[in-house]
């Protein structure tokens, strides 16, 4: 099933305000929330924001920042 960003817009805006996530991230968060799907990511910040928003999420791995 495909979802247009127009369909996700209101939820994405609300999530952006509450989580302070980036524009692209809020669309992924909104899609997971609206479809009651698990968000699978390797982005720790996105994972934390999803969990804080009550979205079922799984962190695949933590990335190590280079010095």
PDB file of N, CA and C in Angstrom:
ATOM      1  N   UNK A   1       0.842  -1.159   0.000  1.00  0.00           N
ATOM      2  CA  UNK A   1       0.000   0.000   0.000  1.00  0.00           C
ATOM      3  C   UNK A   1       0.899   1.238   0.000  1.00  0.00           C
ATOM      4  N   UNK A   2       0.527   2.232  -0.772  1.00  0.00           N
ATOM      5  CA  UNK A   2       1.281   3.477  -0.850  1.00  0.00           C
ATOM      6  C   UNK A   2       0.533   4.592  -0.148  1.00  0.00           C
ATOM      7  N   UNK A   3       1.271   5.429   0.545  1.00  0.00           N
ATOM      8  CA  UNK A   3       0.687   6.584   1.219  1.00  0.00           C
ATOM      9  C   UNK A   3       1.363   7.848   0.709  1.00  0.00           C
ATOM     10  N   UNK A   4       0.575   8.797   0.290  1.00  0.00           N
ATOM     11  CA  UNK A   4       1.089  10.094  -0.140  1.00  0.00           C
ATOM     12  C   UNK A   4       1.450  10.922   1.087  1.00  0.00           C
ATOM     13  N   UNK A   5       2.433  11.806   0.921  1.00  0.00           N
ATOM     14  CA  UNK A   5       2.789  12.670   2.042  1.00  0.00           C
ATOM     15  C   UNK A   5       1.636  13.587   2.430  1.00  0.00           C
ATOM     16  N   UNK A   6       0.706  13.834   1.503  1.00  0.00           N
ATOM     17  CA  UNK A   6      -0.474  14.651   1.824  1.00  0.00           C
ATOM     18  C   UNK A   6      -1.328  13.940   2.870  1.00  0.00           C
ATOM     19  N   UNK A   7      -1.454  12.626   2.745  1.00  0.00           N
ATOM     20  CA  UNK A   7      -2.218  11.827   3.694  1.00  0.00           C
ATOM     21  C   UNK A   7      -1.556  11.847   5.075  1.00  0.00           C
ATOM     22  N   UNK A   8      -0.241  11.929   5.085  1.00  0.00           N
ATOM     23  CA  UNK A   8       0.527  11.867   6.333  1.00  0.00           C
ATOM     24  C   UNK A   8       0.802  13.235   6.949  1.00  0.00           C
ATOM     25  N   UNK A   9       0.488  14.297   6.213  1.00  0.00           N
ATOM     26  CA  UNK A   9       0.932  15.640   6.574  1.00  0.00           C
ATOM     27  C   UNK A   9       0.543  16.080   7.984  1.00  0.00           C
ATOM     28  N   UNK A  10      -0.715  15.954   8.350  1.00  0.00           N
ATOM     29  CA  UNK A  10      -1.152  16.436   9.666  1.00  0.00           C
ATOM     30  C   UNK A  10      -0.435  15.704  10.797  1.00  0.00           C
ATOM     31  N   UNK A  11      -0.368  14.379  10.683  1.00  0.00           N
ATOM     32  CA  UNK A  11       0.320  13.593  11.703  1.00  0.00           C
ATOM     33  C   UNK A  11       1.809  13.918  11.710  1.00  0.00           C
ATOM     34  N   UNK A  12       2.396  14.086  10.526  1.00  0.00           N
ATOM     35  CA  UNK A  12       3.820  14.412  10.428  1.00  0.00           C
ATOM     36  C   UNK A  12       4.125  15.755  11.090  1.00  0.00           C
ATOM     37  N   UNK A  13       3.276  16.732  10.870  1.00  0.00           N
ATOM     38  CA  UNK A  13       3.483  18.044  11.494  1.00  0.00           C
ATOM     39  C   UNK A  13       3.405  17.927  13.012  1.00  0.00           C
ATOM     40  N   UNK A  14       2.400  17.215  13.502  1.00  0.00           N
ATOM     41  CA  UNK A  14       2.267  17.024  14.952  1.00  0.00           C
ATOM     42  C   UNK A  14       3.500  16.326  15.532  1.00  0.00           C
ATOM     43  N   UNK A  15       3.973  15.282  14.841  1.00  0.00           N
ATOM     44  CA  UNK A  15       5.160  14.568  15.315  1.00  0.00           C
ATOM     45  C   UNK A  15       6.400  15.454  15.247  1.00  0.00           C
ATOM     46  N   UNK A  16       6.500  16.277  14.222  1.00  0.00           N
ATOM     47  CA  UNK A  16       7.629  17.196  14.108  1.00  0.00           C
ATOM     48  C   UNK A  16       7.681  18.171  15.266  1.00  0.00           C
ATOM     49  N   UNK A  17       6.517  18.655  15.651  1.00  0.00           N
ATOM     50  CA  UNK A  17       6.448  19.600  16.769  1.00  0.00           C
ATOM     51  C   UNK A  17       6.821  18.917  18.083  1.00  0.00           C
ATOM     52  N   UNK A  18       6.306  17.722  18.300  1.00  0.00           N
ATOM     53  CA  UNK A  18       6.544  17.051  19.582  1.00  0.00           C
ATOM     54  C   UNK A  18       7.909  16.388  19.678  1.00  0.00           C
ATOM     55  N   UNK A  19       8.440  15.872  18.551  1.00  0.00           N
ATOM     56  CA  UNK A  19       9.706  15.135  18.611  1.00  0.00           C
ATOM     57  C   UNK A  19      10.912  15.942  18.157  1.00  0.00           C
ATOM     58  N   UNK A  20      10.664  17.036  17.443  1.00  0.00           N
ATOM     59  CA  UNK A  20      11.744  17.846  16.853  1.00  0.00           C
ATOM     60  C   UNK A  20      12.557  17.048  15.833  1.00  0.00           C
ATOM     61  N   UNK A  21      11.942  16.026  15.222  1.00  0.00           N
ATOM     62  CA  UNK A  21      12.609  15.214  14.201  1.00  0.00           C
ATOM     63  C   UNK A  21      12.686  15.990  12.888  1.00  0.00           C
ATOM     64  N   UNK A  22      13.590  15.554  12.005  1.00  0.00           N
ATOM     65  CA  UNK A  22      13.755  16.213  10.710  1.00  0.00           C
ATOM     66  C   UNK A  22      12.542  15.963   9.811  1.00  0.00           C
ATOM     67  N   UNK A  23      12.458  16.716   8.731  1.00  0.00           N
ATOM     68  CA  UNK A  23      11.332  16.613   7.802  1.00  0.00           C
ATOM     69  C   UNK A  23      11.131  15.222   7.238  1.00  0.00           C
ATOM     70  N   UNK A  24      12.222  14.577   6.795  1.00  0.00           N
ATOM     71  CA  UNK A  24      12.088  13.237   6.247  1.00  0.00           C
ATOM     72  C   UNK A  24      11.736  12.235   7.342  1.00  0.00           C
ATOM     73  N   UNK A  25      12.369  12.368   8.491  1.00  0.00           N
ATOM     74  CA  UNK A  25      12.111  11.435   9.584  1.00  0.00           C
ATOM     75  C   UNK A  25      10.653  11.468  10.032  1.00  0.00           C
ATOM     76  N   UNK A  26      10.058  12.660  10.086  1.00  0.00           N
ATOM     77  CA  UNK A  26       8.671  12.723  10.555  1.00  0.00           C
ATOM     78  C   UNK A  26       7.725  12.009   9.599  1.00  0.00           C
ATOM     79  N   UNK A  27       8.060  11.964   8.314  1.00  0.00           N
ATOM     80  CA  UNK A  27       7.213  11.219   7.378  1.00  0.00           C
ATOM     81  C   UNK A  27       7.284   9.721   7.656  1.00  0.00           C
ATOM     82  N   UNK A  28       8.489   9.216   7.937  1.00  0.00           N
ATOM     83  CA  UNK A  28       8.624   7.803   8.297  1.00  0.00           C
ATOM     84  C   UNK A  28       7.910   7.508   9.615  1.00  0.00           C
ATOM     85  N   UNK A  29       8.064   8.394  10.592  1.00  0.00           N
ATOM     86  CA  UNK A  29       7.391   8.221  11.878  1.00  0.00           C
ATOM     87  C   UNK A  29       5.874   8.241  11.706  1.00  0.00           C
ATOM     88  N   UNK A  30       5.374   9.184  10.922  1.00  0.00           N
ATOM     89  CA  UNK A  30       3.929   9.293  10.698  1.00  0.00           C
ATOM     90  C   UNK A  30       3.392   8.059   9.990  1.00  0.00           C
ATOM     91  N   UNK A  31       4.125   7.571   9.005  1.00  0.00           N
ATOM     92  CA  UNK A  31       3.687   6.376   8.280  1.00  0.00           C
ATOM     93  C   UNK A  31       3.607   5.175   9.221  1.00  0.00           C
ATOM     94  N   UNK A  32       4.625   4.992  10.053  1.00  0.00           N
ATOM     95  CA  UNK A  32       4.614   3.883  11.010  1.00  0.00           C
ATOM     96  C   UNK A  32       3.463   4.029  11.994  1.00  0.00           C
ATOM     97  N   UNK A  33       3.235   5.249  12.470  1.00  0.00           N
ATOM     98  CA  UNK A  33       2.167   5.484  13.435  1.00  0.00           C
ATOM     99  C   UNK A  33       0.791   5.229  12.818  1.00  0.00           C
ATOM    100  N   UNK A  34       0.563   5.765  11.633  1.00  0.00           N
ATOM    101  CA  UNK A  34      -0.764   5.680  11.021  1.00  0.00           C
ATOM    102  C   UNK A  34      -1.109   4.280  10.528  1.00  0.00           C
ATOM    103  N   UNK A  35      -0.100   3.476  10.220  1.00  0.00           N
ATOM    104  CA  UNK A  35      -0.351   2.112   9.754  1.00  0.00           C
ATOM    105  C   UNK A  35      -0.151   1.084  10.858  1.00  0.00           C
ATOM    106  N   UNK A  36       0.171   1.578  12.061  1.00  0.00           N
ATOM    107  CA  UNK A  36       0.436   0.694  13.199  1.00  0.00           C
ATOM    108  C   UNK A  36       1.504  -0.345  12.838  1.00  0.00           C
ATOM    109  N   UNK A  37       2.547   0.135  12.163  1.00  0.00           N
ATOM    110  CA  UNK A  37       3.639  -0.721  11.711  1.00  0.00           C
ATOM    111  C   UNK A  37       4.870  -0.510  12.576  1.00  0.00           C
ATOM    112  N   UNK A  38       5.754  -1.488  12.561  1.00  0.00           N
ATOM    113  CA  UNK A  38       7.024  -1.352  13.269  1.00  0.00           C
ATOM    114  C   UNK A  38       7.982  -0.547  12.396  1.00  0.00           C
ATOM    115  N   UNK A  39       8.613   0.449  12.983  1.00  0.00           N
ATOM    116  CA  UNK A  39       9.636   1.235  12.304  1.00  0.00           C
ATOM    117  C   UNK A  39      10.973   0.559  12.557  1.00  0.00           C
ATOM    118  N   UNK A  40      11.637   0.147  11.493  1.00  0.00           N
ATOM    119  CA  UNK A  40      12.939  -0.503  11.606  1.00  0.00           C
ATOM    120  C   UNK A  40      13.979   0.466  11.055  1.00  0.00           C
ATOM    121  N   UNK A  41      14.955   0.807  11.873  1.00  0.00           N
ATOM    122  CA  UNK A  41      15.947   1.808  11.486  1.00  0.00           C
ATOM    123  C   UNK A  41      17.307   1.483  12.082  1.00  0.00           C
ATOM    124  N   UNK A  42      18.345   2.038  11.460  1.00  0.00           N
ATOM    125  CA  UNK A  42      19.673   1.956  12.069  1.00  0.00           C
ATOM    126  C   UNK A  42      20.105   3.331  12.575  1.00  0.00           C
ATOM    127  N   UNK A  43      19.154   4.252  12.629  1.00  0.00           N
ATOM    128  CA  UNK A  43      19.389   5.623  13.088  1.00  0.00           C
ATOM    129  C   UNK A  43      18.936   5.734  14.549  1.00  0.00           C
ATOM    130  N   UNK A  44      19.899   5.838  15.455  1.00  0.00           N
ATOM    131  CA  UNK A  44      19.592   5.856  16.893  1.00  0.00           C
ATOM    132  C   UNK A  44      18.698   7.029  17.276  1.00  0.00           C
ATOM    133  N   UNK A  45      18.946   8.209  16.696  1.00  0.00           N
ATOM    134  CA  UNK A  45      18.119   9.373  17.028  1.00  0.00           C
ATOM    135  C   UNK A  45      16.677   9.153  16.585  1.00  0.00           C
ATOM    136  N   UNK A  46      16.497   8.610  15.377  1.00  0.00           N
ATOM    137  CA  UNK A  46      15.143   8.349  14.893  1.00  0.00           C
ATOM    138  C   UNK A  46      14.463   7.292  15.766  1.00  0.00           C
ATOM    139  N   UNK A  47      15.205   6.274  16.131  1.00  0.00           N
ATOM    140  CA  UNK A  47      14.674   5.225  17.003  1.00  0.00           C
ATOM    141  C   UNK A  47      14.199   5.815  18.332  1.00  0.00           C
ATOM    142  N   UNK A  48      15.029   6.638  18.948  1.00  0.00           N
ATOM    143  CA  UNK A  48      14.667   7.251  20.230  1.00  0.00           C
ATOM    144  C   UNK A  48      13.418   8.124  20.104  1.00  0.00           C
ATOM    145  N   UNK A  49      13.328   8.883  19.026  1.00  0.00           N
ATOM    146  CA  UNK A  49      12.159   9.747  18.814  1.00  0.00           C
ATOM    147  C   UNK A  49      10.903   8.903  18.591  1.00  0.00           C
ATOM    148  N   UNK A  50      11.044   7.791  17.872  1.00  0.00           N
ATOM    149  CA  UNK A  50       9.906   6.905  17.638  1.00  0.00           C
ATOM    150  C   UNK A  50       9.404   6.320  18.955  1.00  0.00           C
ATOM    151  N   UNK A  51      10.308   5.814  19.757  1.00  0.00           N
ATOM    152  CA  UNK A  51       9.935   5.221  21.044  1.00  0.00           C
ATOM    153  C   UNK A  51       9.282   6.270  21.940  1.00  0.00           C
ATOM    154  N   UNK A  52       9.859   7.468  21.973  1.00  0.00           N
ATOM    155  CA  UNK A  52       9.287   8.551  22.780  1.00  0.00           C
ATOM    156  C   UNK A  52       7.876   8.915  22.324  1.00  0.00           C
ATOM    157  N   UNK A  53       7.597   8.745  21.020  1.00  0.00           N
ATOM    158  CA  UNK A  53       6.277   9.068  20.472  1.00  0.00           C
ATOM    159  C   UNK A  53       5.303   7.894  20.589  1.00  0.00           C
ATOM    160  N   UNK A  54       5.764   6.786  21.170  1.00  0.00           N
ATOM    161  CA  UNK A  54       4.892   5.631  21.342  1.00  0.00           C
ATOM    162  C   UNK A  54       4.789   4.747  20.116  1.00  0.00           C
ATOM    163  N   UNK A  55       5.739   4.876  19.207  1.00  0.00           N
ATOM    164  CA  UNK A  55       5.751   4.079  17.979  1.00  0.00           C
ATOM    165  C   UNK A  55       6.586   2.829  18.219  1.00  0.00           C
ATOM    166  N   UNK A  56       6.074   1.691  17.788  1.00  0.00           N
ATOM    167  CA  UNK A  56       6.803   0.434  17.880  1.00  0.00           C
ATOM    168  C   UNK A  56       8.009   0.534  16.943  1.00  0.00           C
ATOM    169  N   UNK A  57       9.220   0.427  17.479  1.00  0.00           N
ATOM    170  CA  UNK A  57      10.423   0.605  16.670  1.00  0.00           C
ATOM    171  C   UNK A  57      11.482  -0.408  17.058  1.00  0.00           C
ATOM    172  N   UNK A  58      12.354  -0.692  16.094  1.00  0.00           N
ATOM    173  CA  UNK A  58      13.470  -1.600  16.325  1.00  0.00           C
ATOM    174  C   UNK A  58      14.738  -0.952  15.783  1.00  0.00           C
ATOM    175  N   UNK A  59      15.776  -0.938  16.604  1.00  0.00           N
ATOM    176  CA  UNK A  59      17.069  -0.399  16.195  1.00  0.00           C
ATOM    177  C   UNK A  59      17.923  -1.557  15.698  1.00  0.00           C
ATOM    178  N   UNK A  60      18.308  -1.503  14.416  1.00  0.00           N
ATOM    179  CA  UNK A  60      19.092  -2.587  13.844  1.00  0.00           C
ATOM    180  C   UNK A  60      20.511  -2.623  14.381  1.00  0.00           C
ATOM    181  N   UNK A  61      21.122  -1.460  14.438  1.00  0.00           N
ATOM    182  CA  UNK A  61      22.497  -1.383  14.939  1.00  0.00           C
ATOM    183  C   UNK A  61      22.787   0.064  15.284  1.00  0.00           C
ATOM    184  N   UNK A  62      23.734   0.238  16.128  1.00  0.00           N
ATOM    185  CA  UNK A  62      24.181   1.593  16.431  1.00  0.00           C
ATOM    186  C   UNK A  62      25.378   1.889  15.544  1.00  0.00           C
ATOM    187  N   UNK A  63      25.405   3.060  14.963  1.00  0.00           N
ATOM    188  CA  UNK A  63      26.540   3.448  14.136  1.00  0.00           C
ATOM    189  C   UNK A  63      27.576   4.130  15.004  1.00  0.00           C
ATOM    190  N   UNK A  64      28.815   3.918  14.676  1.00  0.00           N
ATOM    191  CA  UNK A  64      29.916   4.518  15.415  1.00  0.00           C
ATOM    192  C   UNK A  64      30.386   5.730  14.631  1.00  0.00           C
ATOM    193  N   UNK A  65      30.428   6.862  15.281  1.00  0.00           N
ATOM    194  CA  UNK A  65      30.898   8.085  14.633  1.00  0.00           C
ATOM    195  C   UNK A  65      32.408   8.047  14.513  1.00  0.00           C
ATOM    196  N   UNK A  66      32.904   8.517  13.381  1.00  0.00           N
ATOM    197  CA  UNK A  66      34.355   8.591  13.227  1.00  0.00           C
ATOM    198  C   UNK A  66      34.871   9.844  13.928  1.00  0.00           C
ATOM    199  N   UNK A  67      36.103   9.787  14.406  1.00  0.00           N
ATOM    200  CA  UNK A  67      36.656  10.922  15.163  1.00  0.00           C
ATOM    201  C   UNK A  67      36.788  12.178  14.349  1.00  0.00           C
TER     202      UNK A  67
END
